[in-house]
Protein backbone atom coordinates (compact mmCIF):
# COMPACT_ATOMS: atom_id res chain seq x y z
CA MET A 1 0.00 0.00 0.00
CA ARG A 2 1.30 3.43 -0.94
CA THR A 3 1.80 5.78 2.03
CA TYR A 4 2.69 9.42 2.47
CA ALA A 5 4.81 11.18 5.07
CA ASN A 6 3.71 14.00 7.35
CA PRO A 7 4.04 16.94 7.34
CA VAL A 8 2.95 17.51 3.76
CA ILE A 9 4.12 21.15 3.90
CA GLY A 10 7.07 21.31 6.27
CA GLY A 11 8.41 24.27 8.18
CA PHE A 12 6.67 27.41 9.35
CA HIS A 13 3.37 26.97 7.44
CA PRO A 14 0.62 27.19 10.10
CA ASP A 15 -3.16 27.61 9.98
CA PRO A 16 -3.70 25.81 6.67
CA SER A 17 -6.87 26.30 4.64
CA VAL A 18 -7.70 24.31 1.54
CA CYS A 19 -10.22 24.26 -1.29
CA ARG A 20 -10.70 21.97 -4.30
CA VAL A 21 -11.54 23.04 -7.84
CA GLY A 22 -12.12 19.97 -10.00
CA GLU A 23 -9.07 17.78 -9.44
CA ASP A 24 -6.87 20.61 -8.21
CA TYR A 25 -6.32 21.64 -4.60
CA TYR A 26 -5.18 25.02 -3.36
CA ALA A 27 -3.91 25.79 0.14
CA VAL A 28 -2.88 28.94 2.00
CA CYS A 29 -1.14 29.47 5.35
CA SER A 30 -0.44 32.26 7.82
CA SER A 31 2.60 34.44 7.18
CA PHE A 32 2.52 36.84 10.18
CA GLU A 33 5.09 39.67 9.82
CA TYR A 34 6.73 38.33 6.66
CA PHE A 35 6.35 39.77 3.16
CA PRO A 36 5.16 38.60 0.65
CA GLY A 37 2.18 37.41 2.66
CA ILE A 38 0.01 34.27 2.55
CA PRO A 39 1.96 31.56 0.69
CA LEU A 40 -0.23 29.79 -1.89
CA PHE A 41 0.24 26.12 -2.82
CA HIS A 42 -1.14 23.81 -5.51
CA SER A 43 -1.53 20.02 -5.42
CA ARG A 44 -3.26 17.29 -7.38
CA ASP A 45 -3.28 14.73 -4.54
CA LEU A 46 -3.17 16.64 -1.18
CA VAL A 47 0.27 15.13 -0.51
CA HIS A 48 2.64 16.80 -2.95
CA TRP A 49 2.45 20.58 -2.83
CA ARG A 50 4.21 23.25 -4.86
CA GLN A 51 4.21 26.92 -3.95
CA ILE A 52 2.87 28.86 -6.92
CA GLY A 53 2.85 32.33 -5.40
CA ASN A 54 1.82 34.57 -2.55
CA VAL A 55 -1.61 36.15 -2.24
CA LEU A 56 -0.29 39.43 -0.81
CA ASP A 57 2.62 40.06 -3.14
CA ARG A 58 2.71 43.85 -3.47
CA PRO A 59 2.97 46.63 -0.87
CA GLY A 60 -0.33 48.14 -2.00
CA GLN A 61 -2.15 45.09 -0.64
CA TRP A 62 -0.39 44.88 2.72
CA TYR A 63 2.26 46.99 4.37
CA ALA A 64 3.80 46.26 7.76
CA PRO A 65 5.49 49.23 9.44
CA ASP A 66 8.58 48.76 11.58
CA GLY A 67 6.38 48.83 14.66
CA THR A 68 4.71 45.56 13.66
CA PRO A 69 5.88 43.09 16.33
CA ALA A 70 7.24 39.66 15.59
CA SER A 71 4.26 37.30 15.18
CA GLY A 72 2.03 40.25 14.31
CA GLY A 73 0.64 40.81 10.84
CA ILE A 74 -1.28 38.27 8.78
CA TYR A 75 -3.21 35.57 10.67
CA ALA A 76 -5.13 32.50 9.55
CA PRO A 77 -6.36 33.00 5.97
CA THR A 78 -9.23 30.99 4.49
CA ILE A 79 -9.32 30.17 0.77
CA ARG A 80 -12.56 29.33 -1.04
CA HIS A 81 -13.71 29.08 -4.66
CA HIS A 82 -17.19 30.29 -5.56
CA ASP A 83 -18.87 31.10 -8.84
CA GLY A 84 -15.64 30.89 -10.82
CA ARG A 85 -13.58 33.11 -8.52
CA PHE A 86 -11.09 32.48 -5.73
CA HIS A 87 -11.52 34.32 -2.44
CA VAL A 88 -9.08 34.64 0.47
CA ILE A 89 -10.11 36.29 3.72
CA THR A 90 -7.68 36.97 6.56
CA THR A 91 -6.82 39.22 9.52
CA ASP A 92 -4.11 41.87 9.71
CA VAL A 93 -3.58 41.85 13.47
CA GLY A 94 -2.59 45.27 14.71
CA GLY A 95 -3.36 46.75 11.29
CA ARG A 96 -6.47 46.98 9.15
CA GLY A 97 -8.26 44.00 10.73
CA ASN A 98 -10.23 41.60 8.56
CA PHE A 99 -10.13 41.95 4.80
CA LEU A 100 -10.86 39.95 1.67
CA VAL A 101 -9.08 39.64 -1.68
CA SER A 102 -10.12 37.73 -4.79
CA SER A 103 -8.83 36.56 -8.16
CA ASP A 104 -9.98 34.69 -11.25
CA ARG A 105 -6.74 32.68 -11.19
CA PRO A 106 -4.95 31.27 -8.15
CA GLU A 107 -1.64 32.55 -9.52
CA GLY A 108 -3.10 36.06 -9.40
CA PRO A 109 -3.08 38.91 -9.69
CA TRP A 110 -5.14 39.16 -6.52
CA SER A 111 -7.32 42.19 -5.94
CA ASP A 112 -6.68 45.04 -3.56
CA PRO A 113 -8.07 44.29 -0.08
CA VAL A 114 -11.73 44.82 0.72
CA PRO A 115 -12.17 45.60 4.45
CA VAL A 116 -14.71 43.42 6.30
CA ALA A 117 -16.24 45.22 9.29
CA LEU A 118 -16.11 42.32 11.73
CA GLU A 119 -14.07 41.99 14.90
CA GLY A 120 -12.28 38.75 15.68
CA ILE A 121 -9.57 36.72 13.95
CA ASP A 122 -9.55 33.62 11.73
CA PRO A 123 -12.37 34.66 9.37
CA ASP A 124 -14.07 32.03 7.22
CA LEU A 125 -16.24 32.15 4.09
CA ALA A 126 -19.14 29.92 3.01
CA TRP A 127 -21.97 30.38 0.51
CA ASP A 128 -25.60 29.29 0.89
CA ASP A 129 -27.78 27.93 -1.93
CA ASP A 130 -29.38 31.35 -2.40
CA GLY A 131 -25.97 32.98 -2.91
CA SER A 132 -25.68 34.44 0.58
CA CYS A 133 -22.10 34.70 1.80
CA TRP A 134 -21.46 33.84 5.46
CA CYS A 135 -18.40 34.78 7.45
CA ALA A 136 -17.50 33.15 10.76
CA VAL A 137 -14.91 34.61 13.15
CA SER A 138 -13.31 33.54 16.41
CA GLY A 139 -15.59 33.61 19.33
CA VAL A 140 -17.54 32.01 17.56
CA ARG A 141 -19.89 34.33 15.65
CA VAL A 142 -21.28 34.26 12.13
CA ALA A 143 -22.42 37.12 9.91
CA ARG A 144 -23.89 37.47 6.45
CA ILE A 145 -21.67 39.76 4.39
CA ASP A 146 -21.36 41.23 0.93
CA PRO A 147 -18.00 39.89 -0.35
CA GLU A 148 -17.81 42.64 -2.98
CA THR A 149 -17.98 45.52 -0.49
CA GLY A 150 -17.24 43.86 2.86
CA ALA A 151 -20.46 45.20 4.31
CA VAL A 152 -22.09 43.22 7.12
CA LEU A 153 -25.69 42.49 6.12
CA GLU A 154 -26.73 40.44 9.15
CA GLY A 155 -25.20 39.73 12.53
CA PRO A 156 -22.69 38.94 13.86
CA LEU A 157 -24.63 36.19 15.62
CA PRO A 158 -23.10 34.25 18.55
CA VAL A 159 -23.78 30.65 17.56
CA TRP A 160 -21.44 28.29 19.43
CA SER A 161 -18.42 28.71 21.67
CA GLY A 162 -17.11 25.17 21.46
CA THR A 163 -16.97 22.73 24.34
CA GLY A 164 -15.74 25.20 26.95
CA MET A 165 -11.98 25.21 26.40
CA GLN A 166 -10.03 28.42 25.95
CA HIS A 167 -9.69 30.26 22.66
CA PRO A 168 -12.51 28.94 20.45
CA GLU A 169 -11.18 30.03 17.07
CA ALA A 170 -10.40 28.92 13.50
CA PRO A 171 -14.11 28.46 12.61
CA HIS A 172 -14.99 26.86 9.29
CA LEU A 173 -18.54 26.45 7.96
CA TYR A 174 -19.42 23.59 5.58
CA ARG A 175 -22.62 22.55 3.87
CA VAL A 176 -22.71 18.74 3.77
CA GLY A 177 -26.03 17.29 2.68
CA ALA A 178 -28.86 18.86 4.67
CA TRP A 179 -26.58 20.01 7.49
CA TRP A 180 -24.34 22.98 8.16
CA TYR A 181 -21.23 21.97 10.08
CA LEU A 182 -19.23 24.42 12.16
CA MET A 183 -15.72 23.20 12.99
CA VAL A 184 -13.52 25.10 15.44
CA ALA A 185 -10.17 24.87 17.19
CA GLU A 186 -10.02 25.01 20.99
CA GLY A 187 -7.53 24.85 23.81
CA GLY A 188 -4.97 27.25 22.37
CA THR A 189 -2.45 26.47 19.66
CA ALA A 190 0.05 24.70 21.96
CA HIS A 191 -0.16 21.26 23.60
CA GLY A 192 -3.85 21.66 24.47
CA HIS A 193 -4.88 22.25 20.87
CA SER A 194 -7.92 20.34 19.60
CA VAL A 195 -10.66 20.27 16.96
CA SER A 196 -14.39 20.21 17.78
CA ILE A 197 -17.48 20.34 15.57
CA ALA A 198 -21.19 21.07 15.73
CA ARG A 199 -24.04 21.07 13.20
CA ALA A 200 -27.28 22.89 12.45
CA ARG A 201 -29.88 23.14 9.71
CA SER A 202 -29.00 26.78 9.07
CA PRO A 203 -25.82 28.86 9.36
CA ARG A 204 -27.70 30.85 12.01
CA GLY A 205 -28.04 27.76 14.22
CA PRO A 206 -28.96 26.44 16.69
CA TYR A 207 -25.92 24.15 16.68
CA GLU A 208 -25.70 20.75 18.35
CA PRO A 209 -22.18 19.61 19.27
CA ALA A 210 -20.81 16.26 18.16
CA PRO A 211 -21.14 13.60 20.86
CA ALA A 212 -17.46 12.67 20.52
CA ASN A 213 -15.92 16.16 20.79
CA PRO A 214 -13.11 16.89 20.50
CA ILE A 215 -12.88 14.94 17.26
CA LEU A 216 -9.09 15.40 17.26
CA SER A 217 -6.50 16.19 19.93
CA HIS A 218 -3.04 14.87 20.80
CA ARG A 219 -2.92 16.51 24.22
CA SER A 220 -1.53 14.37 27.06
CA THR A 221 -0.09 11.81 24.63
CA ASP A 222 3.46 10.78 23.82
CA LEU A 223 2.86 10.92 20.08
CA PRO A 224 5.72 12.54 18.11
CA ILE A 225 3.25 14.97 16.50
CA GLN A 226 1.76 17.48 18.93
CA SER A 227 -0.46 20.60 19.06
CA THR A 228 -2.87 19.24 16.44
CA GLY A 229 -5.62 21.67 15.50
CA HIS A 230 -6.70 24.62 13.35
CA ALA A 231 -8.07 22.27 10.71
CA ASP A 232 -9.90 22.54 7.39
CA LEU A 233 -11.90 19.81 5.63
CA VAL A 234 -11.92 18.97 1.93
CA SER A 235 -13.51 16.22 -0.16
CA ALA A 236 -11.64 14.44 -2.95
CA PRO A 237 -13.17 13.62 -6.36
CA ASP A 238 -13.51 9.96 -5.30
CA GLY A 239 -15.75 10.91 -2.36
CA THR A 240 -13.13 10.50 0.37
CA TRP A 241 -12.63 13.27 2.93
CA TRP A 242 -9.41 14.71 4.26
CA MET A 243 -8.27 17.20 6.83
CA LEU A 244 -5.40 19.66 6.61
CA LEU A 245 -4.28 20.89 10.02
CA LEU A 246 -1.38 22.42 11.86
CA ALA A 247 0.81 20.54 14.30
CA THR A 248 4.35 20.60 15.69
CA ARG A 249 7.21 18.13 15.94
CA PRO A 250 9.00 18.85 19.24
CA ARG A 251 12.52 17.54 19.82
CA GLY A 252 15.06 17.39 22.64
CA TYR A 253 14.93 16.66 26.34
CA PHE A 254 11.98 17.75 28.54
CA PRO A 255 10.10 19.99 28.02
CA GLU A 256 11.10 19.60 24.34
CA PHE A 257 11.37 22.35 21.76
CA HIS A 258 9.94 22.89 18.32
CA VAL A 259 12.07 24.99 16.00
CA LEU A 260 10.36 24.75 12.62
CA GLY A 261 7.16 26.37 13.85
CA ARG A 262 3.72 24.93 13.27
CA GLU A 263 3.60 22.87 10.08
CA THR A 264 0.86 21.56 7.77
CA PHE A 265 -0.24 17.93 8.16
CA LEU A 266 -2.76 15.74 6.33
CA THR A 267 -5.00 13.06 7.82
CA PRO A 268 -7.93 11.01 6.50
CA VAL A 269 -11.51 11.59 7.67
CA GLU A 270 -14.43 9.16 7.86
CA TRP A 271 -18.09 10.06 8.29
CA VAL A 272 -19.91 7.95 10.89
CA ASP A 273 -23.55 8.59 11.86
CA GLY A 274 -23.44 12.05 10.35
CA TRP A 275 -20.22 13.18 12.05
CA PRO A 276 -16.60 13.31 10.86
CA ARG A 277 -14.27 10.89 12.62
CA VAL A 278 -10.53 11.55 12.71
CA GLY A 279 -7.91 9.21 14.10
CA PRO A 280 -4.52 10.23 15.49
CA VAL A 281 -2.32 12.08 13.02
CA ARG A 282 0.56 9.75 12.18
CA GLU A 283 3.96 10.31 10.61
CA ARG A 284 2.82 8.01 7.80
CA HIS A 285 -0.70 7.31 6.49
CA PRO A 286 -2.19 5.36 3.58
CA ALA A 287 -2.15 7.73 0.62
CA PRO A 288 -5.11 9.17 -1.25
CA ALA A 289 -6.13 7.44 -4.47
CA ALA A 290 -4.66 10.22 -6.59
CA TRP A 291 -0.88 10.35 -6.65
CA HIS A 292 0.87 13.20 -8.44
CA PRO A 293 4.42 13.78 -7.21
CA VAL A 294 6.02 17.11 -8.04
CA GLU A 295 9.63 17.79 -8.87
CA PRO A 296 11.49 18.69 -5.67
CA PRO A 297 12.85 22.23 -5.62
CA PRO A 298 16.48 22.53 -6.70
CA VAL A 299 19.11 22.63 -3.97
CA ARG A 300 20.71 25.74 -5.46
CA ASP A 301 19.21 29.08 -6.39
CA ASP A 302 21.63 30.77 -8.80
CA PHE A 303 19.59 33.98 -8.92
CA ASP A 304 19.51 33.90 -12.71
CA THR A 305 15.75 34.50 -13.07
CA ALA A 306 13.86 37.75 -13.56
CA ASP A 307 12.30 37.68 -10.09
CA LEU A 308 12.75 35.96 -6.77
CA ALA A 309 11.06 32.58 -6.29
CA PRO A 310 7.88 32.78 -4.19
CA HIS A 311 9.39 31.07 -1.15
CA TRP A 312 11.75 34.01 -0.50
CA ILE A 313 10.40 36.23 2.30
CA SER A 314 11.50 39.28 4.27
CA PRO A 315 10.47 40.65 7.67
CA ARG A 316 7.68 43.22 7.26
CA ARG A 317 8.58 44.46 3.79
CA ARG A 318 11.13 44.35 0.98
CA PRO A 319 11.48 47.92 -0.29
CA ASP A 320 12.64 48.72 -3.81
CA GLY A 321 16.30 49.58 -3.76
CA SER A 322 17.14 47.13 -0.99
CA TRP A 323 17.52 44.20 -3.38
CA SER A 324 18.19 43.55 -7.04
CA LEU A 325 18.66 40.71 -9.50
CA LYS A 326 19.73 43.13 -12.25
CA GLU A 327 22.51 45.14 -10.63
CA ARG A 328 24.88 42.18 -11.02
CA PRO A 329 23.15 39.63 -13.30
CA GLY A 330 23.32 36.13 -11.86
CA ARG A 331 23.61 37.50 -8.34
CA LEU A 332 21.25 38.76 -5.68
CA THR A 333 22.51 42.08 -4.39
CA LEU A 334 21.27 43.35 -1.04
CA THR A 335 21.72 46.95 0.07
CA ALA A 336 21.61 47.69 3.78
CA THR A 337 18.59 49.60 5.06
CA GLY A 338 19.57 49.14 8.72
CA ASP A 339 22.85 48.45 10.50
CA SER A 340 21.67 45.57 12.69
CA LEU A 341 19.46 42.49 12.57
CA ASP A 342 18.53 43.34 16.17
CA ARG A 343 16.07 46.04 15.07
CA PRO A 344 13.30 46.14 12.46
CA GLY A 345 14.11 47.81 9.17
CA HIS A 346 17.09 45.69 8.12
CA THR A 347 17.59 44.04 4.72
CA PHE A 348 16.99 40.30 4.87
CA VAL A 349 15.82 37.76 2.26
CA GLY A 350 15.28 34.23 3.55
CA ARG A 351 13.35 31.01 3.33
CA ARG A 352 11.70 28.82 5.93
CA GLN A 353 13.70 25.98 7.46
CA GLN A 354 11.59 22.97 6.44
CA HIS A 355 13.68 20.01 7.66
CA HIS A 356 15.13 19.27 11.06
CA ASP A 357 18.42 18.21 9.48
CA CYS A 358 19.70 20.36 6.65
CA ARG A 359 22.66 22.24 5.24
CA VAL A 360 22.57 25.84 4.01
CA ALA A 361 25.42 27.57 2.19
CA VAL A 362 25.92 30.82 0.30
CA ARG A 363 28.64 32.25 -1.90
CA VAL A 364 28.96 35.90 -0.98
CA ASP A 365 31.01 38.88 -2.07
CA PRO A 366 30.81 41.58 0.61
CA GLY A 367 32.70 44.17 -1.41
CA ALA A 368 33.07 47.15 0.90
CA GLY A 369 29.93 46.15 2.79
CA ARG A 370 28.97 43.70 5.48
CA GLY A 371 26.46 40.82 5.40
CA GLY A 372 26.02 37.11 5.55
CA LEU A 373 23.72 34.28 6.54
CA SER A 374 21.32 34.30 9.49
CA VAL A 375 19.18 31.67 11.21
CA ARG A 376 16.30 33.78 12.51
CA MET A 377 13.30 33.60 14.82
CA ASP A 378 12.95 37.35 15.42
CA GLU A 379 15.06 40.44 16.14
CA ALA A 380 15.94 39.16 19.61
CA HIS A 381 16.70 35.56 18.64
CA HIS A 382 19.06 34.84 15.74
CA TYR A 383 22.46 33.32 14.97
CA ASP A 384 24.55 34.92 12.20
CA ILE A 385 27.69 34.21 10.21
CA GLU A 386 28.81 37.36 8.45
CA VAL A 387 31.71 38.70 6.44
CA GLY A 388 33.06 42.24 6.22
CA ALA A 389 36.32 44.16 6.48
CA GLY A 390 38.39 41.01 5.93
CA THR A 391 36.83 39.04 8.79
CA VAL A 392 34.20 36.31 9.10
CA SER A 393 32.35 36.43 12.43
CA VAL A 394 29.78 34.24 14.16
CA LEU A 395 27.29 36.24 16.22
CA ALA A 396 24.53 35.16 18.58
CA ARG A 397 21.61 37.29 19.77
CA ILE A 398 19.61 35.60 22.55
CA GLY A 399 17.15 37.88 24.30
CA PRO A 400 19.03 40.89 25.71
CA VAL A 401 22.46 39.31 25.09
CA ARG A 402 24.49 39.75 21.90
CA GLN A 403 27.90 38.09 21.62
CA CYS A 404 30.56 37.44 19.00
CA LEU A 405 31.57 33.79 19.34
CA ALA A 406 34.24 33.43 16.66
CA ARG A 407 36.33 35.45 14.20
CA HIS A 408 38.47 34.34 11.28
CA PRO A 409 40.45 36.46 8.79
CA VAL A 410 39.69 36.11 5.07
CA PRO A 411 41.11 37.73 1.94
CA SER A 412 39.00 40.16 -0.04
CA GLY A 413 36.57 38.74 -2.57
CA GLU A 414 34.03 35.93 -2.48
CA VAL A 415 33.73 33.46 0.40
CA THR A 416 31.44 30.51 1.14
CA LEU A 417 29.50 30.55 4.41
CA THR A 418 27.86 27.35 5.63
CA VAL A 419 25.32 26.43 8.29
CA ASP A 420 24.75 22.77 9.22
CA ILE A 421 21.75 21.90 11.38
CA ARG A 422 21.58 18.44 12.97
CA THR A 423 19.12 17.06 15.49
CA ALA A 424 20.56 16.06 18.84
CA ASP A 425 19.89 12.77 20.59
CA VAL A 426 17.06 13.07 23.09
CA LEU A 427 19.23 12.66 26.18
CA PRO A 428 19.24 14.35 29.56
CA PRO A 429 21.97 16.92 30.19
CA THR A 430 25.25 15.17 30.91
CA VAL A 431 28.65 16.27 32.20
CA ILE A 432 31.35 16.03 29.54
CA ALA A 433 35.01 16.91 29.13
CA ASP A 434 35.35 20.39 27.65
CA GLY A 435 38.99 20.98 26.78
CA PRO A 436 41.15 23.18 28.98
CA GLN A 437 38.12 24.58 30.76
CA GLY A 438 37.57 21.25 32.49
CA LEU A 439 33.96 20.16 32.72
CA GLY A 440 31.03 21.34 30.67
CA VAL A 441 27.43 20.32 30.18
CA ARG A 442 25.91 18.79 27.07
CA ALA A 443 22.34 20.03 27.04
CA GLY A 444 19.43 18.04 25.67
CA GLY A 445 18.38 20.65 23.13
CA PRO A 446 16.53 19.94 19.88
CA ASP A 447 19.49 20.36 17.51
CA THR A 448 22.97 21.73 16.99
CA ILE A 449 23.72 24.57 14.58
CA THR A 450 27.27 24.62 13.20
CA PHE A 451 28.80 27.60 11.37
CA SER A 452 31.68 27.09 8.97
CA LEU A 453 33.80 29.00 6.48
CA GLY A 454 34.59 27.51 3.08
CA GLY A 455 33.15 24.78 0.90
CA GLY A 456 35.04 21.51 0.28
CA THR A 457 37.04 21.38 3.53
CA PRO A 458 35.30 23.98 5.66
CA VAL A 459 36.77 25.63 8.75
CA ARG A 460 34.39 25.09 11.64
CA LEU A 461 33.99 28.32 13.56
CA ALA A 462 31.25 27.70 16.13
CA GLU A 463 28.68 25.14 17.24
CA LEU A 464 25.56 26.39 19.03
CA ASP A 465 22.60 24.87 20.86
CA GLY A 466 19.46 25.29 18.76
CA ARG A 467 17.04 25.60 21.69
CA TYR A 468 17.54 29.35 21.83
CA LEU A 469 16.04 29.58 18.34
CA SER A 470 12.86 27.73 19.30
CA THR A 471 9.30 28.80 19.99
CA GLN A 472 9.67 27.77 23.62
CA VAL A 473 12.45 30.35 24.09
CA ALA A 474 11.63 33.08 21.57
CA THR A 475 7.84 32.70 21.97
CA GLY A 476 5.47 33.64 19.15
CA PHE A 477 3.76 31.86 16.29
CA THR A 478 6.49 31.57 13.66
CA GLY A 479 9.41 29.22 13.03
CA ARG A 480 12.98 29.52 11.83
CA VAL A 481 13.76 31.41 8.65
CA ILE A 482 17.27 31.13 7.17
CA GLY A 483 18.45 33.85 4.88
CA MET A 484 20.87 36.40 3.50
CA TYR A 485 21.30 39.90 4.86
CA ALA A 486 23.22 43.14 4.49
CA THR A 487 23.89 45.52 7.39
CA GLU A 488 26.43 47.77 5.66
CA GLY A 489 26.77 48.80 2.02
CA THR A 490 25.84 46.45 -0.81
CA VAL A 491 26.54 42.72 -0.62
CA ALA A 492 26.28 40.30 -3.57
CA PHE A 493 25.23 36.64 -3.28
CA ASP A 494 26.21 34.36 -6.18
CA TRP A 495 24.12 31.38 -5.02
CA PHE A 496 22.18 29.97 -2.08
CA ASP A 497 22.00 26.23 -1.30
CA TYR A 498 19.37 24.59 0.87
CA GLU A 499 19.81 20.82 1.11
CA PRO A 500 17.89 18.42 3.38
CA ALA A 501 20.00 15.76 5.01
CA GLU A 502 20.10 12.34 3.39
CA GLY A 503 17.32 10.00 4.37
CA VAL A 504 14.57 12.58 4.85
CA ASP A 505 11.35 12.14 2.94
CA ARG A 506 11.17 15.65 1.56
């Protein structure tokens, strides 16, 4: 029997929403403070996904000022297809609130935002037989809206607050047969996360909860996949049902750490006595009937295209003049807009870390500038290897502390900077020999991040514990992003390699 591996979209891709159009599936995820916003994926089988763009791909649609905090910005989009048009509704937390964009084609262009005058996060869209458009928000409340203008025509109506756990959110409305189903997340998006559902004959209610709520939760289990919730349902052409959801994969010694953020998982759904039934989310499941693998992305980006690939993101914005693929053809040039990664407003172009074990390398010419490669959670939590003024340095920013951990002289011109990330054995802290300093402690963190200079026979400069770049330390809703930066002058990058370790499924 053919099986698939979870997660189906690895790395910091939380709050998935999915819709089907014929035999094609489209999914979107939260992007928070990163621009472009709302990554958009396409699949023919729910297992193999390819990013085809970003819904919010121009500053006129969404702009995040420097005051936007880490984990602020774009929350929990919902994607739906109705009457030949795609619709995405989302929340700009701390900004314009809820808004809706639409497009005839999933690749775009997507419209300018239409504000929706509803409070609450995680907005949803569903259409009734008479063409009425319903929007549900956290709380949980539903309202009838005009998707063209964003006007609220009826409500919001408080319809169901879940089973009593904290943070009833992520509502999704579905019409299945004669029933309207309202599915929500509860318990917060950490270890208490769960999925519950209720049904009614009308979007207005009254709703009766499922007798087996929550229909999904991994809380208080020792399963390797945790924090399951914030789910969306979709039916396949063969009549089977599936659920996309977020979850985490914690690593390390107690209390464990997750470093990739909340990822997108897939699990099968059965309908029993009029209710969806979902088993535990496993690392491997029997695959859907359709099977359409996609070509894996190349290890190397040579920056020889007219525009950046859609997986490249930047904190808050990417202003014109801060980057170019034309200034030195075949290279990405970054021009500093700030002198430190410790404050918003810097120049950074990165991609999500999607595998626990991976290797990242860049070929960089600093010229008279300064820049390099950073493993980033936010402005207060990042590790950097940078080159400038004839020196390669390894820097660590952990909360209020910033320290240079290694320096190595280099001649002028291009150098190769490398980051290797490897998961650590899940062992308790142990006392070990630590050179001339005597005794040290090996901590049971989730992984080790090694910084090196050079390619074939690299010079290892520093090895750091990865726990300080985890959600449990940095807090927030995002995961690691690894990327290139400039903090002085203009820095040119010839190529960027991202390579999963051997033996991983994706």
